[in-house]
Amino acid sequence: IHNFCMCPFVEDSFSRFPSQSNIYGLCQAGEQELLAATLKGKVVCFRYQDLQKKIRPVAREIQFTYIPVDAEIVSIDAFNKSAPKRGMVVGITFIKDSGDKATPFLNIYCDYEPGSEFNLESIAQSCLNLELQFTPFQLYHTEVHCGDGSSETVFLLSGHDQRIHLYKENASLHQFEEQPVERLFPELQELPSNVLWLNVLSIDQNRRLTAFGCQNGSVGLSLVNQKGPEILQNWRVQHDSPISTVLLFPLKQETFNLLVTSSIEMAVVYRDVEQYGLSRQLCLAESDQCDAVLCALVVDLDFDGQHELLLGTYGQDLLCYKFHQPTGAFEDKLQLLWRRSFKSPLLSLIYLDLDGDGLRELAVLTLKGLHILQVTITDKRQNKNTLTLIYNRSAKKRKKKEIPLYTPDIEFLPKQHVVVQV
């Protein structure tokens, strides 16, 4: 018998989509917006707006150019360019079905006009259309450190050709170009199978960890010197089913861990991978009892400085795990804290501050649409931690001269919203 904690989230809003999405169909666009792509070629922007002196959720379709009406969107991603460059970049992969032939494309949207670099409506009209020779999977962005000390953000796209494709901006031509992936990511050559999920974590300016999960169950991890770039160490481990997520995250004492989820087996965490590689494995009990785990997130939900692990499943459950050390035990264990049920399978999770109040919301993409969950604060310790967190985050925003802080009622008891469709 389990003594589960109560789920700390209540649903603030739900936006139903005209058609279903997939595990690659949700991304963050800037600090306070989400882009959700549906299979039938629609892209919905979700944000909170001040309407009639109240902060309300608004969902509106963005008309991205050069996406045919018969297109099926596969994946979407967005990022803000690395400083000192300015502007948002959006990437969308889709397959155009012409009846006798299905043709894959990658569209990259970026507006170079001063004043329009962050305007989604303008960005959606400035398109670079690239025909692909492979079926695309995950579209992912990461920052690379260049030899001169500067940084640049690039797209990495996995495909059914058992390769990772790199797209980097050519500043002089004002467009993105495909470049050999081995120039910046030598660890992503000679892959054992089609990569379904990729994750890169910079340890510092000199080193990074790169993890990938494959269709044949293979998991790869590399420690790389970014200055070369040069591979310092490679690790491989074989699972028994396709890998749905790999997620690198730091833990106490500056150790790095790797969360791996798959379609059949229990999710596992590989501990302190810099020192032990993929040899120290910690299982997440019961994570294999809700059908396939499709998405995962590692965040501090209860503001105690310790990470929780969230798993979204095809079995329509959101599972939350936390590290704890039983009395007399030498090592931490992962305990299932709570579970929350939805009415359709969970596809993607993002944790961000949508309404600008200093507290983050949990965005949950399901087959039927987008749920926004807000945290409830129930005890005094959490209240104190939360107020400190809000103050620190708002101070950072004011320092950056960003949007002013929206201050909600101090009880942090969110009310159900009806999404405004625009």
Protein backbone atom coordinates (compact mmCIF):
# COMPACT_ATOMS: atom_id res chain seq x y z
CA ILE A 1 0.00 0.00 0.00
CA HIS A 2 1.42 3.37 -1.03
CA ASN A 3 1.12 6.56 0.97
CA PHE A 4 1.04 8.91 -2.00
CA CYS A 5 1.38 12.66 -1.53
CA MET A 6 -1.25 14.92 -3.04
CA CYS A 7 -0.49 16.26 -6.51
CA PRO A 8 0.40 19.95 -5.94
CA PHE A 9 -1.10 21.08 -9.26
CA VAL A 10 -4.56 22.26 -10.22
CA GLU A 11 -5.63 22.77 -13.81
CA ASP A 12 -5.77 26.43 -14.81
CA SER A 13 -6.81 26.01 -18.43
CA PHE A 14 -7.27 23.54 -21.26
CA SER A 15 -7.03 24.28 -24.98
CA ARG A 16 -8.47 21.67 -27.33
CA PHE A 17 -6.69 21.27 -30.67
CA PRO A 18 -8.36 20.58 -34.05
CA SER A 19 -6.18 17.48 -34.54
CA GLN A 20 -3.74 15.51 -32.43
CA SER A 21 -0.04 16.26 -31.94
CA ASN A 22 2.94 14.01 -31.14
CA ILE A 23 5.95 13.80 -28.78
CA TYR A 24 7.87 16.37 -30.86
CA GLY A 25 4.94 18.80 -31.12
CA LEU A 26 5.48 21.32 -28.29
CA CYS A 27 8.19 23.92 -27.72
CA GLN A 28 8.82 27.10 -25.78
CA ALA A 29 9.03 30.31 -27.83
CA GLY A 30 10.71 33.07 -25.85
CA GLU A 31 10.10 33.31 -22.13
CA GLN A 32 6.31 33.30 -21.93
CA GLU A 33 4.91 31.62 -25.03
CA LEU A 34 4.39 28.07 -26.26
CA LEU A 35 4.08 26.76 -29.79
CA ALA A 36 2.10 23.57 -30.32
CA ALA A 37 2.02 21.84 -33.70
CA THR A 38 -0.78 19.54 -34.78
CA LEU A 39 -0.44 16.78 -37.33
CA LYS A 40 -2.76 18.51 -39.82
CA GLY A 41 -0.43 21.44 -40.39
CA LYS A 42 -1.70 23.89 -37.75
CA VAL A 43 0.57 25.73 -35.29
CA VAL A 44 -1.04 27.24 -32.20
CA CYS A 45 0.61 29.93 -30.07
CA PHE A 46 -0.37 29.83 -26.41
CA ARG A 47 0.23 32.66 -23.96
CA TYR A 48 -1.38 34.65 -21.13
CA GLN A 49 -2.60 38.18 -21.89
CA ASP A 50 -4.01 41.07 -19.90
CA LEU A 51 -7.63 41.17 -21.05
CA GLN A 52 -10.09 43.48 -19.27
CA LYS A 53 -7.64 43.89 -16.37
CA LYS A 54 -7.34 40.14 -15.87
CA ILE A 55 -4.59 37.75 -16.91
CA ARG A 56 -6.23 35.21 -19.21
CA PRO A 57 -4.88 32.36 -21.37
CA VAL A 58 -5.13 32.93 -25.11
CA ALA A 59 -4.60 30.40 -27.91
CA ARG A 60 -4.28 31.61 -31.48
CA GLU A 61 -3.20 30.00 -34.71
CA ILE A 62 -0.02 31.34 -36.32
CA GLN A 63 -0.01 31.19 -40.12
CA PHE A 64 3.51 29.96 -40.92
CA THR A 65 4.20 30.26 -44.64
CA TYR A 66 5.17 27.41 -46.97
CA ILE A 67 3.33 24.72 -45.01
CA PRO A 68 0.84 23.14 -47.46
CA VAL A 69 -2.71 22.39 -46.36
CA ASP A 70 -2.08 18.65 -46.85
CA ALA A 71 1.11 18.70 -44.75
CA GLU A 72 1.62 16.60 -41.64
CA ILE A 73 3.84 18.35 -39.08
CA VAL A 74 6.39 16.05 -37.46
CA SER A 75 8.35 18.31 -35.11
CA ILE A 76 8.78 21.92 -33.99
CA ASP A 77 11.43 23.81 -32.03
CA ALA A 78 12.38 27.43 -31.34
CA PHE A 79 15.21 29.37 -29.74
CA ASN A 80 16.51 32.87 -29.18
CA LYS A 81 19.86 33.49 -30.85
CA SER A 82 22.97 33.54 -28.69
CA ALA A 83 24.18 37.03 -27.74
CA PRO A 84 25.22 39.39 -29.24
CA LYS A 85 22.92 38.30 -32.07
CA ARG A 86 19.24 39.15 -31.76
CA GLY A 87 16.12 37.34 -32.83
CA MET A 88 13.99 34.24 -32.48
CA VAL A 89 14.33 31.24 -34.78
CA VAL A 90 11.55 28.69 -35.34
CA GLY A 91 12.05 25.35 -37.06
CA ILE A 92 9.23 23.12 -38.33
CA THR A 93 9.57 19.74 -40.04
CA PHE A 94 6.68 18.32 -42.01
CA ILE A 95 5.80 15.78 -44.67
CA LYS A 96 3.90 16.88 -47.76
CA ASP A 97 1.71 14.11 -49.11
CA SER A 98 1.10 14.50 -52.84
CA GLY A 99 -0.79 11.25 -53.19
CA ASP A 100 1.83 9.23 -55.03
CA LYS A 101 4.79 10.65 -53.10
CA ALA A 102 5.46 11.91 -49.57
CA THR A 103 8.17 14.58 -49.41
CA PRO A 104 9.76 15.74 -46.12
CA PHE A 105 10.78 19.36 -45.51
CA LEU A 106 12.44 21.53 -42.88
CA ASN A 107 11.27 25.15 -42.72
CA ILE A 108 13.40 27.60 -40.73
CA TYR A 109 11.78 30.94 -39.88
CA CYS A 110 13.78 34.01 -38.89
CA ASP A 111 13.13 37.73 -39.45
CA TYR A 112 16.20 39.94 -39.84
CA GLU A 113 14.22 43.20 -40.08
CA PRO A 114 15.10 45.46 -37.10
CA GLY A 115 12.16 45.58 -34.71
CA SER A 116 10.63 42.34 -35.99
CA GLU A 117 13.24 39.85 -34.75
CA PHE A 118 11.00 38.61 -31.92
CA ASN A 119 7.58 39.17 -33.52
CA LEU A 120 6.07 35.75 -34.20
CA GLU A 121 3.68 37.05 -36.84
CA SER A 122 6.60 38.56 -38.79
CA ILE A 123 8.89 35.60 -38.20
CA ALA A 124 6.22 33.25 -39.59
CA GLN A 125 6.41 35.07 -42.96
CA SER A 126 10.22 34.79 -43.32
CA CYS A 127 10.92 31.22 -44.37
CA LEU A 128 13.84 29.15 -45.58
CA ASN A 129 12.36 26.01 -47.16
CA LEU A 130 14.67 22.95 -47.27
CA GLU A 131 13.66 19.67 -48.90
CA LEU A 132 14.96 16.68 -46.94
CA GLN A 133 16.16 13.31 -48.20
CA PHE A 134 15.08 11.52 -45.02
CA THR A 135 12.06 11.27 -42.73
CA PRO A 136 12.62 13.71 -39.83
CA PHE A 137 12.19 12.93 -36.13
CA GLN A 138 13.22 15.21 -33.25
CA LEU A 139 14.22 18.82 -34.00
CA TYR A 140 16.49 20.02 -31.19
CA HIS A 141 18.56 23.13 -30.52
CA THR A 142 21.69 23.53 -28.44
CA GLU A 143 24.38 26.11 -27.87
CA VAL A 144 27.93 25.42 -29.03
CA HIS A 145 31.02 27.26 -27.81
CA CYS A 146 33.21 28.52 -30.63
CA GLY A 147 36.99 28.72 -30.57
CA ASP A 148 37.00 32.51 -30.20
CA GLY A 149 35.06 32.34 -26.92
CA SER A 150 31.69 33.20 -28.47
CA SER A 151 28.60 30.97 -28.53
CA GLU A 152 26.12 30.05 -31.23
CA THR A 153 22.83 28.14 -31.16
CA VAL A 154 22.29 25.48 -33.82
CA PHE A 155 19.59 23.02 -34.87
CA LEU A 156 20.18 19.26 -34.68
CA LEU A 157 17.69 17.09 -36.57
CA SER A 158 17.50 13.30 -36.28
CA GLY A 159 16.13 11.19 -39.08
CA HIS A 160 15.34 7.70 -40.31
CA ASP A 161 18.66 7.65 -42.21
CA GLN A 162 20.47 6.84 -38.92
CA ARG A 163 22.11 10.26 -38.88
CA ILE A 164 21.95 13.58 -37.04
CA HIS A 165 21.87 16.65 -39.31
CA LEU A 166 23.33 20.00 -38.22
CA TYR A 167 21.91 23.37 -39.36
CA LYS A 168 23.91 26.48 -38.55
CA GLU A 169 23.34 30.13 -39.40
CA ASN A 170 25.42 31.75 -42.12
CA ALA A 171 25.36 35.32 -40.82
CA SER A 172 26.62 36.88 -44.06
CA LEU A 173 23.88 35.23 -46.15
CA HIS A 174 21.16 35.67 -43.49
CA GLN A 175 20.14 32.03 -43.69
CA PHE A 176 20.73 28.60 -42.15
CA GLU A 177 22.78 25.93 -43.91
CA GLU A 178 23.39 22.24 -43.32
CA GLN A 179 26.95 21.55 -42.24
CA PRO A 180 28.78 18.28 -41.49
CA VAL A 181 27.78 17.30 -37.96
CA GLU A 182 31.28 16.01 -37.13
CA ARG A 183 32.70 19.55 -37.25
CA LEU A 184 30.93 20.50 -34.04
CA PHE A 185 29.58 17.15 -32.77
CA PRO A 186 32.05 14.34 -33.52
CA GLU A 187 30.21 12.18 -30.98
CA LEU A 188 27.15 12.08 -33.26
CA GLN A 189 28.83 10.11 -36.05
CA GLU A 190 28.37 6.39 -36.78
CA LEU A 191 25.16 5.99 -34.81
CA PRO A 192 23.89 2.47 -34.00
CA SER A 193 20.27 3.14 -35.05
CA ASN A 194 17.77 5.92 -35.76
CA VAL A 195 17.94 8.47 -32.93
CA LEU A 196 14.53 9.18 -31.38
CA TRP A 197 15.70 11.56 -28.65
CA LEU A 198 18.79 13.73 -28.17
CA ASN A 199 19.95 15.81 -25.20
CA VAL A 200 23.06 17.96 -24.75
CA LEU A 201 24.25 19.50 -21.47
CA SER A 202 27.15 21.97 -21.22
CA ILE A 203 29.15 21.36 -18.06
CA ASP A 204 31.25 24.47 -18.65
CA GLN A 205 32.76 26.30 -21.62
CA ASN A 206 35.24 23.47 -22.07
CA ARG A 207 33.16 20.31 -21.68
CA ARG A 208 29.74 18.94 -22.55
CA LEU A 209 27.75 15.74 -22.15
CA THR A 210 25.78 14.42 -25.13
CA ALA A 211 23.18 11.66 -24.78
CA PHE A 212 21.02 9.97 -27.40
CA GLY A 213 18.39 7.21 -27.37
CA CYS A 214 17.71 5.02 -30.38
CA GLN A 215 14.92 3.09 -32.02
CA ASN A 216 16.71 -0.23 -31.38
CA GLY A 217 17.02 0.47 -27.62
CA SER A 218 20.62 1.65 -27.72
CA VAL A 219 21.63 4.56 -25.45
CA GLY A 220 24.79 6.56 -26.10
CA LEU A 221 26.60 9.02 -23.86
CA SER A 222 29.72 11.06 -24.62
CA LEU A 223 31.95 13.42 -22.68
CA VAL A 224 33.37 15.98 -25.10
CA ASN A 225 36.00 18.70 -24.95
CA GLN A 226 34.26 21.55 -26.77
CA LYS A 227 37.47 23.33 -27.73
CA GLY A 228 38.48 20.63 -30.24
CA PRO A 229 35.89 19.42 -30.34
CA GLU A 230 37.36 16.15 -29.08
CA ILE A 231 35.65 13.08 -27.63
CA LEU A 232 37.07 12.37 -24.17
CA GLN A 233 34.97 9.28 -23.47
CA ASN A 234 32.12 7.26 -24.98
CA TRP A 235 29.65 4.94 -23.23
CA ARG A 236 26.97 2.64 -24.67
CA VAL A 237 24.24 0.53 -23.08
CA GLN A 238 21.54 -1.59 -24.70
CA HIS A 239 17.88 -1.53 -23.61
CA ASP A 240 15.18 -3.90 -24.84
CA SER A 241 12.78 -1.41 -26.44
CA PRO A 242 12.81 1.93 -28.32
CA ILE A 243 14.04 4.85 -26.22
CA SER A 244 11.49 7.65 -25.83
CA THR A 245 13.51 10.16 -23.76
CA VAL A 246 17.05 10.78 -22.56
CA LEU A 247 17.51 13.68 -20.16
CA LEU A 248 20.74 14.86 -18.52
CA PHE A 249 20.41 16.73 -15.23
CA PRO A 250 22.68 17.88 -12.38
CA LEU A 251 22.27 16.74 -8.81
CA LYS A 252 23.94 17.63 -5.51
CA GLN A 253 27.73 17.87 -5.31
CA GLU A 254 27.95 18.80 -8.99
CA THR A 255 27.29 15.29 -10.28
CA PHE A 256 25.40 14.69 -13.51
CA ASN A 257 22.79 12.01 -14.06
CA LEU A 258 20.98 10.58 -17.08
CA LEU A 259 17.27 9.74 -17.07
CA VAL A 260 16.29 7.17 -19.72
CA THR A 261 12.71 6.18 -20.55
CA SER A 262 11.61 3.53 -23.02
CA SER A 263 8.45 2.08 -24.49
CA ILE A 264 8.30 -1.13 -22.42
CA GLU A 265 10.85 -1.17 -19.59
CA MET A 266 11.01 0.77 -16.33
CA ALA A 267 12.54 4.22 -16.55
CA VAL A 268 16.07 4.34 -15.11
CA VAL A 269 18.51 6.97 -13.86
CA TYR A 270 22.22 6.45 -14.46
CA ARG A 271 24.01 8.08 -11.53
CA ASP A 272 27.10 10.32 -11.67
CA VAL A 273 27.79 9.56 -15.32
CA GLU A 274 31.04 11.52 -15.50
CA GLN A 275 32.64 9.12 -13.03
CA TYR A 276 30.71 5.89 -13.57
CA GLY A 277 29.44 6.16 -17.14
CA LEU A 278 26.35 3.98 -17.59
CA SER A 279 27.17 1.42 -14.89
CA ARG A 280 25.25 2.78 -11.86
CA GLN A 281 21.57 2.25 -12.56
CA LEU A 282 18.60 3.27 -10.40
CA CYS A 283 15.12 2.11 -11.46
CA LEU A 284 11.90 4.11 -11.11
CA ALA A 285 9.54 1.54 -9.62
CA GLU A 286 6.10 1.19 -11.26
CA SER A 287 7.05 3.39 -14.21
CA ASP A 288 6.42 0.38 -16.48
CA GLN A 289 2.82 -0.08 -15.32
CA CYS A 290 1.23 2.83 -17.24
CA ASP A 291 2.03 1.74 -20.81
CA ALA A 292 4.92 3.52 -22.51
CA VAL A 293 6.60 6.54 -20.94
CA LEU A 294 6.54 9.18 -23.70
CA CYS A 295 7.98 12.29 -22.03
CA ALA A 296 9.94 13.36 -18.97
CA LEU A 297 11.00 16.46 -17.04
CA VAL A 298 13.35 17.12 -14.10
CA VAL A 299 12.38 20.19 -12.03
CA ASP A 300 12.08 21.41 -8.43
CA LEU A 301 8.31 21.45 -7.95
CA ASP A 302 8.07 21.99 -4.19
CA PHE A 303 10.79 24.68 -3.89
CA ASP A 304 12.96 22.68 -1.47
CA GLY A 305 16.06 22.80 -3.68
CA GLN A 306 15.75 19.11 -4.60
CA HIS A 307 14.73 17.80 -8.01
CA GLU A 308 11.58 15.86 -8.78
CA LEU A 309 11.31 13.62 -11.85
CA LEU A 310 8.09 13.80 -13.89
CA LEU A 311 7.10 11.07 -16.33
CA GLY A 312 4.23 11.40 -18.81
CA THR A 313 2.78 8.12 -20.05
CA TYR A 314 0.67 6.75 -22.86
CA GLY A 315 -1.47 5.28 -20.09
CA GLN A 316 -2.70 8.83 -19.37
CA ASP A 317 -0.84 9.21 -16.05
CA LEU A 318 1.64 11.84 -14.87
CA LEU A 319 4.05 10.27 -12.35
CA CYS A 320 6.24 12.22 -9.93
CA TYR A 321 9.36 10.72 -8.32
CA LYS A 322 11.76 12.17 -5.76
CA PHE A 323 15.17 11.15 -4.46
CA HIS A 324 15.23 10.12 -0.81
CA GLN A 325 17.65 8.20 1.40
CA PRO A 326 16.00 5.54 3.60
CA THR A 327 17.22 5.25 7.18
CA GLY A 328 20.41 3.20 7.28
CA ALA A 329 20.73 3.08 3.49
CA PHE A 330 23.98 3.99 1.80
CA GLU A 331 22.48 5.39 -1.42
CA ASP A 332 19.47 7.45 -2.45
CA LYS A 333 16.36 5.76 -3.82
CA LEU A 334 13.67 7.12 -6.12
CA GLN A 335 10.23 7.15 -4.51
CA LEU A 336 6.92 7.58 -6.34
CA LEU A 337 5.41 10.66 -4.67
CA TRP A 338 2.14 11.09 -6.54
CA ARG A 339 0.33 10.40 -9.77
CA ARG A 340 -2.27 12.40 -11.66
CA SER A 341 -4.57 11.01 -14.34
CA PHE A 342 -5.60 12.72 -17.58
CA LYS A 343 -8.20 11.79 -20.19
CA SER A 344 -5.74 11.06 -23.00
CA PRO A 345 -2.08 10.03 -23.42
CA LEU A 346 0.61 12.53 -22.39
CA LEU A 347 3.01 13.58 -25.16
CA SER A 348 5.20 16.43 -23.88
CA LEU A 349 5.99 18.44 -20.73
CA ILE A 350 7.39 21.98 -20.37
CA TYR A 351 7.84 23.96 -17.14
CA LEU A 352 7.80 27.74 -17.65
CA ASP A 353 6.42 31.00 -16.26
CA LEU A 354 3.57 31.72 -18.67
CA ASP A 355 1.72 34.44 -16.77
CA GLY A 356 4.71 36.43 -15.49
CA ASP A 357 3.97 36.03 -11.78
CA GLY A 358 7.38 34.53 -10.95
CA LEU A 359 5.97 31.01 -10.49
CA ARG A 360 6.24 28.49 -13.28
CA GLU A 361 3.34 26.58 -14.77
CA LEU A 362 3.45 23.01 -16.04
CA ALA A 363 2.37 22.69 -19.67
CA VAL A 364 1.14 19.18 -20.50
CA LEU A 365 0.54 18.31 -24.14
CA THR A 366 -1.85 15.39 -24.62
CA LEU A 367 -3.44 13.81 -27.67
CA LYS A 368 -6.48 16.06 -27.21
CA GLY A 369 -4.84 19.42 -26.45
CA LEU A 370 -2.80 21.53 -24.04
CA HIS A 371 -3.34 21.54 -20.26
CA ILE A 372 -1.83 24.30 -18.11
CA LEU A 373 -1.35 23.33 -14.47
CA GLN A 374 -0.53 25.76 -11.67
CA VAL A 375 1.06 24.81 -8.37
CA THR A 376 -0.78 25.26 -5.08
CA ILE A 377 1.16 26.21 -1.95
CA THR A 378 -0.12 24.43 1.15
CA ASP A 379 2.39 24.82 3.98
CA LYS A 380 4.23 27.76 5.50
CA ARG A 381 7.69 26.51 4.56
CA GLN A 382 6.69 26.29 0.92
CA ASN A 383 5.10 29.75 1.12
CA LYS A 384 8.34 31.24 2.42
CA ASN A 385 10.45 29.44 -0.19
CA THR A 386 8.05 30.49 -2.93
CA LEU A 387 8.00 34.16 -1.96
CA THR A 388 11.82 34.18 -1.92
CA LEU A 389 11.85 32.52 -5.34
CA ILE A 390 9.40 35.03 -6.81
CA TYR A 391 11.36 37.97 -5.41
CA ASN A 392 14.65 36.69 -6.86
CA ARG A 393 13.13 35.95 -10.27
CA SER A 394 11.36 39.30 -10.48
CA ALA A 395 14.58 41.08 -9.50
CA LYS A 396 16.39 39.35 -12.36
CA LYS A 397 13.64 40.35 -14.80
CA ARG A 398 13.75 43.97 -13.69
CA LYS A 399 17.52 43.95 -14.06
CA LYS A 400 17.10 42.71 -17.64
CA LYS A 401 14.47 45.42 -18.24
CA GLU A 402 11.89 42.82 -19.16
CA ILE A 403 8.15 42.95 -18.66
CA PRO A 404 6.93 44.13 -15.25
CA LEU A 405 6.02 41.59 -12.61
CA TYR A 406 2.38 40.53 -12.43
CA THR A 407 1.48 40.03 -8.77
CA PRO A 408 -1.33 37.53 -8.03
CA ASP A 409 -3.24 37.00 -4.82
CA ILE A 410 -0.82 35.78 -2.18
CA GLU A 411 -2.83 32.58 -1.55
CA PHE A 412 -1.62 31.17 -4.90
CA LEU A 413 -4.94 29.45 -5.44
CA PRO A 414 -5.39 29.50 -9.23
CA LYS A 415 -8.87 29.51 -10.70
CA GLN A 416 -10.05 27.59 -13.73
CA HIS A 417 -9.75 29.69 -16.88
CA VAL A 418 -11.55 29.40 -20.16
CA VAL A 419 -9.08 29.71 -23.01
CA VAL A 420 -9.80 32.56 -25.39
CA GLN A 421 -9.49 31.36 -29.00
CA VAL A 422 -8.26 34.13 -31.29
